[in-house]
Amino acid sequence: MKALLFDIFGTVVDWRTGIIRAGEAFGAAHGVSLDWPQFADDWRALYQPAMERVRSGGRAFVKLDTLHRENLDTVLARHGVTGIPEPALADLNFAWRRLPPWPDSVSGLTRLKTRYILGTLSNGNISLMVNLAKYGGLPWDVILGAEVAQAYKPTPESYLRSAAALDLPPEEVALVAAHNNDLQAARTVGYKTIFVPRPTEHGPGQTIDLEPAEDWDLVVEDLNDAADKLGC
């Protein structure tokens, strides 16, 4: 392996905690009272359906920021939230650029970077990933993924074009992810696979991705454990 590419939302950053906190601040500023954990879950629940329209050819490729904003408008309308100034809505949408890393993420990535090329392989667009990295201190060498590939995971193109951007064959790249379906898709095109469980990604009642679903190339406890096992 020469490069480690990372899923981001859920694997490297704690999106749910970040969106809950952003919702609470938004509510306090604008007099909106909602169940903010449910709001975060409802917003995230629209993520895959929105991307599926692109994957299926139902619409041209658009950045994730655009999909997030469309989904935010949908969720707020469902909850009867209206009359919010546009700058406040734009700022809430950019909460996805201000998500907290998991406690082991920065230290683990910093160690892994001593031996491997590190990059994103996220459905997030370039500006989202750059701002998220600046916010959380994430030490990437390169930003890859959906916008570079013009394809959303788990389409084969999203993985193949990301590896090609590094002039590497897929077998010299590993995907690091907390999601078994992401790893399955990456393995299908030749990537190595590293599973890191994030058992509270979806909150205290999480029931998915608690264990590896296949015999992945490496299973780790967290990113510092990954650094230990990879000799970093």
C-alpha atoms as a PDB file:
ATOM      1  CA  MET A   1       0.000   0.000   0.000  1.00  0.00           C
ATOM      2  CA  LYS A   2       1.231   3.449  -0.895  1.00  0.00           C
ATOM      3  CA  ALA A   3      -1.862   5.534  -0.133  1.00  0.00           C
ATOM      4  CA  LEU A   4      -4.587   5.461   2.481  1.00  0.00           C
ATOM      5  CA  LEU A   5      -7.812   7.132   1.404  1.00  0.00           C
ATOM      6  CA  PHE A   6     -10.455   7.818   4.012  1.00  0.00           C
ATOM      7  CA  ASP A   7     -14.188   7.952   4.187  1.00  0.00           C
ATOM      8  CA  ILE A   8     -14.856  11.112   6.190  1.00  0.00           C
ATOM      9  CA  PHE A   9     -18.389  11.462   7.571  1.00  0.00           C
ATOM     10  CA  GLY A  10     -18.591   8.989  10.436  1.00  0.00           C
ATOM     11  CA  THR A  11     -15.108   7.551   9.958  1.00  0.00           C
ATOM     12  CA  VAL A  12     -12.917  10.600  10.613  1.00  0.00           C
ATOM     13  CA  VAL A  13     -15.439  13.136  11.937  1.00  0.00           C
ATOM     14  CA  ASP A  14     -18.456  12.833  14.223  1.00  0.00           C
ATOM     15  CA  TRP A  15     -21.108  14.332  11.955  1.00  0.00           C
ATOM     16  CA  ARG A  16     -24.070  13.690  14.263  1.00  0.00           C
ATOM     17  CA  THR A  17     -22.624  15.519  17.272  1.00  0.00           C
ATOM     18  CA  GLY A  18     -21.548  18.384  15.034  1.00  0.00           C
ATOM     19  CA  ILE A  19     -24.953  18.792  13.409  1.00  0.00           C
ATOM     20  CA  ILE A  20     -26.768  18.567  16.748  1.00  0.00           C
ATOM     21  CA  ARG A  21     -24.588  21.341  18.174  1.00  0.00           C
ATOM     22  CA  ALA A  22     -25.079  23.481  15.083  1.00  0.00           C
ATOM     23  CA  GLY A  23     -28.827  22.968  15.276  1.00  0.00           C
ATOM     24  CA  GLU A  24     -28.925  23.943  18.917  1.00  0.00           C
ATOM     25  CA  ALA A  25     -26.995  27.153  18.201  1.00  0.00           C
ATOM     26  CA  PHE A  26     -29.251  27.900  15.230  1.00  0.00           C
ATOM     27  CA  GLY A  27     -32.348  27.315  17.343  1.00  0.00           C
ATOM     28  CA  ALA A  28     -31.130  29.566  20.139  1.00  0.00           C
ATOM     29  CA  ALA A  29     -30.323  32.347  17.685  1.00  0.00           C
ATOM     30  CA  HIS A  30     -33.603  32.196  15.795  1.00  0.00           C
ATOM     31  CA  GLY A  31     -36.132  31.040  18.369  1.00  0.00           C
ATOM     32  CA  VAL A  32     -36.551  27.582  16.843  1.00  0.00           C
ATOM     33  CA  SER A  33     -37.291  24.693  19.194  1.00  0.00           C
ATOM     34  CA  LEU A  34     -36.802  21.236  17.695  1.00  0.00           C
ATOM     35  CA  ASP A  35     -35.606  17.817  18.759  1.00  0.00           C
ATOM     36  CA  TRP A  36     -32.111  18.491  17.448  1.00  0.00           C
ATOM     37  CA  PRO A  37     -30.841  14.893  17.533  1.00  0.00           C
ATOM     38  CA  GLN A  38     -33.882  13.926  15.451  1.00  0.00           C
ATOM     39  CA  PHE A  39     -33.233  16.906  13.175  1.00  0.00           C
ATOM     40  CA  ALA A  40     -29.677  15.658  12.590  1.00  0.00           C
ATOM     41  CA  ASP A  41     -30.920  12.155  11.823  1.00  0.00           C
ATOM     42  CA  ASP A  42     -33.655  13.464   9.507  1.00  0.00           C
ATOM     43  CA  TRP A  43     -31.197  15.619   7.574  1.00  0.00           C
ATOM     44  CA  ARG A  44     -28.737  12.767   7.221  1.00  0.00           C
ATOM     45  CA  ALA A  45     -31.518  10.389   6.144  1.00  0.00           C
ATOM     46  CA  LEU A  46     -31.940  12.400   2.933  1.00  0.00           C
ATOM     47  CA  TYR A  47     -28.240  12.051   2.057  1.00  0.00           C
ATOM     48  CA  GLN A  48     -28.320   8.735   0.208  1.00  0.00           C
ATOM     49  CA  PRO A  49     -31.603   9.351  -1.661  1.00  0.00           C
ATOM     50  CA  ALA A  50     -30.289  12.695  -2.922  1.00  0.00           C
ATOM     51  CA  MET A  51     -27.066  11.130  -4.200  1.00  0.00           C
ATOM     52  CA  GLU A  52     -28.954   8.215  -5.716  1.00  0.00           C
ATOM     53  CA  ARG A  53     -30.675  10.596  -8.128  1.00  0.00           C
ATOM     54  CA  VAL A  54     -27.218  11.528  -9.409  1.00  0.00           C
ATOM     55  CA  ARG A  55     -25.889   7.964  -9.407  1.00  0.00           C
ATOM     56  CA  SER A  56     -28.924   6.738 -11.349  1.00  0.00           C
ATOM     57  CA  GLY A  57     -28.672   9.490 -13.961  1.00  0.00           C
ATOM     58  CA  GLY A  58     -31.784  11.278 -12.752  1.00  0.00           C
ATOM     59  CA  ARG A  59     -29.854  14.554 -12.544  1.00  0.00           C
ATOM     60  CA  ALA A  60     -26.432  15.815 -13.501  1.00  0.00           C
ATOM     61  CA  PHE A  61     -23.625  15.735 -10.949  1.00  0.00           C
ATOM     62  CA  VAL A  62     -23.876  18.518  -8.378  1.00  0.00           C
ATOM     63  CA  LYS A  63     -21.735  19.126  -5.320  1.00  0.00           C
ATOM     64  CA  LEU A  64     -22.709  17.725  -1.947  1.00  0.00           C
ATOM     65  CA  ASP A  65     -23.050  21.256  -0.566  1.00  0.00           C
ATOM     66  CA  THR A  66     -25.929  21.708  -3.015  1.00  0.00           C
ATOM     67  CA  LEU A  67     -27.590  18.445  -2.029  1.00  0.00           C
ATOM     68  CA  HIS A  68     -27.167  19.247   1.673  1.00  0.00           C
ATOM     69  CA  ARG A  69     -28.847  22.627   1.186  1.00  0.00           C
ATOM     70  CA  GLU A  70     -31.775  21.149  -0.720  1.00  0.00           C
ATOM     71  CA  ASN A  71     -32.173  18.526   2.006  1.00  0.00           C
ATOM     72  CA  LEU A  72     -31.956  21.178   4.744  1.00  0.00           C
ATOM     73  CA  ASP A  73     -34.767  23.149   3.140  1.00  0.00           C
ATOM     74  CA  THR A  74     -36.844  19.968   2.970  1.00  0.00           C
ATOM     75  CA  VAL A  75     -36.262  19.066   6.625  1.00  0.00           C
ATOM     76  CA  LEU A  76     -36.974  22.566   7.932  1.00  0.00           C
ATOM     77  CA  ALA A  77     -40.180  22.730   5.879  1.00  0.00           C
ATOM     78  CA  ARG A  78     -41.297  19.386   7.310  1.00  0.00           C
ATOM     79  CA  HIS A  79     -40.850  20.818  10.787  1.00  0.00           C
ATOM     80  CA  GLY A  80     -42.719  24.010   9.903  1.00  0.00           C
ATOM     81  CA  VAL A  81     -39.669  26.251  10.229  1.00  0.00           C
ATOM     82  CA  THR A  82     -40.055  29.302   7.986  1.00  0.00           C
ATOM     83  CA  GLY A  83     -38.941  32.914   7.783  1.00  0.00           C
ATOM     84  CA  ILE A  84     -35.266  32.289   8.522  1.00  0.00           C
ATOM     85  CA  PRO A  85     -32.887  34.778   6.855  1.00  0.00           C
ATOM     86  CA  GLU A  86     -30.856  33.350   3.985  1.00  0.00           C
ATOM     87  CA  PRO A  87     -27.448  33.996   5.617  1.00  0.00           C
ATOM     88  CA  ALA A  88     -28.525  31.921   8.629  1.00  0.00           C
ATOM     89  CA  LEU A  89     -29.633  29.051   6.413  1.00  0.00           C
ATOM     90  CA  ALA A  90     -26.376  29.157   4.461  1.00  0.00           C
ATOM     91  CA  ASP A  91     -24.407  29.119   7.691  1.00  0.00           C
ATOM     92  CA  LEU A  92     -26.366  26.159   9.047  1.00  0.00           C
ATOM     93  CA  ASN A  93     -25.753  24.282   5.797  1.00  0.00           C
ATOM     94  CA  PHE A  94     -22.037  24.885   6.238  1.00  0.00           C
ATOM     95  CA  ALA A  95     -22.171  23.158   9.611  1.00  0.00           C
ATOM     96  CA  TRP A  96     -20.962  20.159   7.598  1.00  0.00           C
ATOM     97  CA  ARG A  97     -17.680  22.070   7.256  1.00  0.00           C
ATOM     98  CA  ARG A  98     -17.344  22.383  11.039  1.00  0.00           C
ATOM     99  CA  LEU A  99     -17.652  18.840  12.332  1.00  0.00           C
ATOM    100  CA  PRO A 100     -15.521  17.593  15.236  1.00  0.00           C
ATOM    101  CA  PRO A 101     -12.959  14.872  14.520  1.00  0.00           C
ATOM    102  CA  TRP A 102     -13.184  11.722  16.605  1.00  0.00           C
ATOM    103  CA  PRO A 103     -10.689  11.917  19.513  1.00  0.00           C
ATOM    104  CA  ASP A 104      -8.163   9.608  17.798  1.00  0.00           C
ATOM    105  CA  SER A 105      -8.426  11.091  14.301  1.00  0.00           C
ATOM    106  CA  VAL A 106      -5.818  13.851  14.274  1.00  0.00           C
ATOM    107  CA  SER A 107      -3.183  11.915  16.212  1.00  0.00           C
ATOM    108  CA  GLY A 108      -3.748   8.738  14.217  1.00  0.00           C
ATOM    109  CA  LEU A 109      -3.664  10.510  10.860  1.00  0.00           C
ATOM    110  CA  THR A 110      -0.528  12.409  11.812  1.00  0.00           C
ATOM    111  CA  ARG A 111       1.229   9.125  12.551  1.00  0.00           C
ATOM    112  CA  LEU A 112      -0.044   7.410   9.402  1.00  0.00           C
ATOM    113  CA  LYS A 113       1.155  10.324   7.290  1.00  0.00           C
ATOM    114  CA  THR A 114       4.760   9.519   8.171  1.00  0.00           C
ATOM    115  CA  ARG A 115       4.572   6.419   5.976  1.00  0.00           C
ATOM    116  CA  TYR A 116       1.627   6.788   3.591  1.00  0.00           C
ATOM    117  CA  ILE A 117       0.018   9.294   1.262  1.00  0.00           C
ATOM    118  CA  LEU A 118      -3.170  10.373   3.037  1.00  0.00           C
ATOM    119  CA  GLY A 119      -6.259  11.611   1.254  1.00  0.00           C
ATOM    120  CA  THR A 120      -9.995  11.887   1.440  1.00  0.00           C
ATOM    121  CA  LEU A 121     -12.292   9.634  -0.520  1.00  0.00           C
ATOM    122  CA  SER A 122     -15.522  11.270   0.465  1.00  0.00           C
ATOM    123  CA  ASN A 123     -18.778  12.224  -1.143  1.00  0.00           C
ATOM    124  CA  GLY A 124     -18.079  15.719   0.175  1.00  0.00           C
ATOM    125  CA  ASN A 125     -16.971  18.335  -2.357  1.00  0.00           C
ATOM    126  CA  ILE A 126     -13.502  19.860  -2.409  1.00  0.00           C
ATOM    127  CA  SER A 127     -14.312  23.129  -0.622  1.00  0.00           C
ATOM    128  CA  LEU A 128     -16.265  21.244   2.051  1.00  0.00           C
ATOM    129  CA  MET A 129     -13.333  18.880   2.653  1.00  0.00           C
ATOM    130  CA  VAL A 130     -10.753  21.690   2.703  1.00  0.00           C
ATOM    131  CA  ASN A 131     -12.742  23.716   5.218  1.00  0.00           C
ATOM    132  CA  LEU A 132     -13.399  20.633   7.337  1.00  0.00           C
ATOM    133  CA  ALA A 133      -9.687  19.870   7.357  1.00  0.00           C
ATOM    134  CA  LYS A 134      -8.805  23.414   8.376  1.00  0.00           C
ATOM    135  CA  TYR A 135     -11.457  23.359  11.110  1.00  0.00           C
ATOM    136  CA  GLY A 136     -10.385  20.032  12.603  1.00  0.00           C
ATOM    137  CA  GLY A 137      -6.660  20.038  11.857  1.00  0.00           C
ATOM    138  CA  LEU A 138      -6.846  17.039   9.527  1.00  0.00           C
ATOM    139  CA  PRO A 139      -3.436  16.575   7.844  1.00  0.00           C
ATOM    140  CA  TRP A 140      -4.358  15.436   4.344  1.00  0.00           C
ATOM    141  CA  ASP A 141      -1.892  15.297   1.491  1.00  0.00           C
ATOM    142  CA  VAL A 142      -4.656  15.442  -1.089  1.00  0.00           C
ATOM    143  CA  ILE A 143      -8.426  15.934  -1.407  1.00  0.00           C
ATOM    144  CA  LEU A 144     -10.028  13.277  -3.611  1.00  0.00           C
ATOM    145  CA  GLY A 145     -13.474  11.750  -3.885  1.00  0.00           C
ATOM    146  CA  ALA A 146     -16.774  12.612  -5.501  1.00  0.00           C
ATOM    147  CA  GLU A 147     -16.069  16.026  -7.003  1.00  0.00           C
ATOM    148  CA  VAL A 148     -12.727  14.922  -8.461  1.00  0.00           C
ATOM    149  CA  ALA A 149     -14.297  11.719  -9.791  1.00  0.00           C
ATOM    150  CA  GLN A 150     -17.604  13.389 -10.746  1.00  0.00           C
ATOM    151  CA  ALA A 151     -19.255  10.329  -9.214  1.00  0.00           C
ATOM    152  CA  TYR A 152     -20.681   9.484  -5.809  1.00  0.00           C
ATOM    153  CA  LYS A 153     -19.722   6.404  -3.840  1.00  0.00           C
ATOM    154  CA  PRO A 154     -20.276   3.513  -4.071  1.00  0.00           C
ATOM    155  CA  THR A 155     -20.018   3.705  -7.870  1.00  0.00           C
ATOM    156  CA  PRO A 156     -16.802   2.076  -9.159  1.00  0.00           C
ATOM    157  CA  GLU A 157     -15.755   5.349 -10.806  1.00  0.00           C
ATOM    158  CA  SER A 158     -15.522   7.146  -7.468  1.00  0.00           C
ATOM    159  CA  TYR A 159     -12.809   4.756  -6.285  1.00  0.00           C
ATOM    160  CA  LEU A 160     -11.041   4.134  -9.596  1.00  0.00           C
ATOM    161  CA  ARG A 161     -10.733   7.795 -10.554  1.00  0.00           C
ATOM    162  CA  SER A 162      -9.455   8.696  -7.094  1.00  0.00           C
ATOM    163  CA  ALA A 163      -6.677   6.111  -7.372  1.00  0.00           C
ATOM    164  CA  ALA A 164      -5.925   7.216 -10.935  1.00  0.00           C
ATOM    165  CA  ALA A 165      -5.522  10.816  -9.749  1.00  0.00           C
ATOM    166  CA  LEU A 166      -2.562   9.564  -7.684  1.00  0.00           C
ATOM    167  CA  ASP A 167      -1.188   7.541 -10.624  1.00  0.00           C
ATOM    168  CA  LEU A 168      -1.618   4.436  -8.494  1.00  0.00           C
ATOM    169  CA  PRO A 169      -3.299   1.138  -9.339  1.00  0.00           C
ATOM    170  CA  PRO A 170      -6.207   0.311  -7.006  1.00  0.00           C
ATOM    171  CA  GLU A 171      -4.269  -2.489  -5.314  1.00  0.00           C
ATOM    172  CA  GLU A 172      -1.737   0.043  -3.991  1.00  0.00           C
ATOM    173  CA  VAL A 173      -4.503   2.054  -2.308  1.00  0.00           C
ATOM    174  CA  ALA A 174      -6.473   1.228   0.831  1.00  0.00           C
ATOM    175  CA  LEU A 175      -9.831   2.616   1.807  1.00  0.00           C
ATOM    176  CA  VAL A 176     -10.230   3.277   5.523  1.00  0.00           C
ATOM    177  CA  ALA A 177     -13.890   3.365   6.504  1.00  0.00           C
ATOM    178  CA  ALA A 178     -16.382   2.675   9.267  1.00  0.00           C
ATOM    179  CA  HIS A 179     -18.959   1.435   6.768  1.00  0.00           C
ATOM    180  CA  ASN A 180     -18.962  -2.111   5.477  1.00  0.00           C
ATOM    181  CA  ASN A 181     -20.786  -1.250   2.243  1.00  0.00           C
ATOM    182  CA  ASP A 182     -18.141   1.362   1.378  1.00  0.00           C
ATOM    183  CA  LEU A 183     -15.388  -1.195   1.907  1.00  0.00           C
ATOM    184  CA  GLN A 184     -17.256  -3.802  -0.128  1.00  0.00           C
ATOM    185  CA  ALA A 185     -17.461  -1.443  -3.094  1.00  0.00           C
ATOM    186  CA  ALA A 186     -13.792  -0.484  -2.770  1.00  0.00           C
ATOM    187  CA  ARG A 187     -12.687  -4.119  -2.573  1.00  0.00           C
ATOM    188  CA  THR A 188     -14.653  -4.935  -5.719  1.00  0.00           C
ATOM    189  CA  VAL A 189     -12.425  -2.608  -7.766  1.00  0.00           C
ATOM    190  CA  GLY A 190      -9.196  -3.834  -6.179  1.00  0.00           C
ATOM    191  CA  TYR A 191      -8.593  -1.604  -3.159  1.00  0.00           C
ATOM    192  CA  LYS A 192      -7.186  -2.884   0.099  1.00  0.00           C
ATOM    193  CA  THR A 193      -9.647  -2.432   2.951  1.00  0.00           C
ATOM    194  CA  ILE A 194      -9.309  -1.213   6.544  1.00  0.00           C
ATOM    195  CA  PHE A 195     -12.321  -1.248   8.862  1.00  0.00           C
ATOM    196  CA  VAL A 196     -12.493   1.072  11.864  1.00  0.00           C
ATOM    197  CA  PRO A 197     -15.710   0.785  13.907  1.00  0.00           C
ATOM    198  CA  ARG A 198     -17.470   3.949  15.037  1.00  0.00           C
ATOM    199  CA  PRO A 199     -20.215   2.453  17.223  1.00  0.00           C
ATOM    200  CA  THR A 200     -21.795   5.792  18.165  1.00  0.00           C
ATOM    201  CA  GLU A 201     -21.821   7.414  14.714  1.00  0.00           C
ATOM    202  CA  HIS A 202     -25.605   7.163  14.594  1.00  0.00           C
ATOM    203  CA  GLY A 203     -26.125   7.741  18.305  1.00  0.00           C
ATOM    204  CA  PRO A 204     -26.421   5.449  21.321  1.00  0.00           C
ATOM    205  CA  GLY A 205     -28.844   3.067  19.637  1.00  0.00           C
ATOM    206  CA  GLN A 206     -26.707   2.293  16.585  1.00  0.00           C
ATOM    207  CA  THR A 207     -27.316  -1.154  15.105  1.00  0.00           C
ATOM    208  CA  ILE A 208     -25.245  -1.114  11.893  1.00  0.00           C
ATOM    209  CA  ASP A 209     -21.508  -1.343  11.200  1.00  0.00           C
ATOM    210  CA  LEU A 210     -20.709  -2.428  14.736  1.00  0.00           C
ATOM    211  CA  GLU A 211     -18.593  -5.312  13.458  1.00  0.00           C
ATOM    212  CA  PRO A 212     -16.692  -6.127  10.266  1.00  0.00           C
ATOM    213  CA  ALA A 213     -19.022  -7.803   7.784  1.00  0.00           C
ATOM    214  CA  GLU A 214     -16.198  -9.466   5.837  1.00  0.00           C
ATOM    215  CA  ASP A 215     -12.608 -10.534   6.277  1.00  0.00           C
ATOM    216  CA  TRP A 216     -11.170  -7.087   5.580  1.00  0.00           C
ATOM    217  CA  ASP A 217      -7.429  -6.698   5.048  1.00  0.00           C
ATOM    218  CA  LEU A 218      -7.152  -4.969   8.422  1.00  0.00           C
ATOM    219  CA  VAL A 219      -9.559  -4.365  11.297  1.00  0.00           C
ATOM    220  CA  VAL A 220      -8.541  -1.741  13.842  1.00  0.00           C
ATOM    221  CA  GLU A 221      -9.961  -0.241  17.008  1.00  0.00           C
ATOM    222  CA  ASP A 222      -9.273   3.362  15.972  1.00  0.00           C
ATOM    223  CA  LEU A 223      -6.796   5.318  13.876  1.00  0.00           C
ATOM    224  CA  ASN A 224      -4.029   5.133  16.453  1.00  0.00           C
ATOM    225  CA  ASP A 225      -4.442   1.374  16.449  1.00  0.00           C
ATOM    226  CA  ALA A 226      -4.192   1.527  12.654  1.00  0.00           C
ATOM    227  CA  ALA A 227      -0.895   3.414  13.014  1.00  0.00           C
ATOM    228  CA  ASP A 228       0.353   0.779  15.469  1.00  0.00           C
ATOM    229  CA  LYS A 229      -0.551  -2.099  13.160  1.00  0.00           C
ATOM    230  CA  LEU A 230       0.920  -0.403  10.091  1.00  0.00           C
ATOM    231  CA  GLY A 231       4.198   0.404  11.823  1.00  0.00           C
ATOM    232  CA  CYS A 232       3.790   4.174  12.039  1.00  0.00           C
END
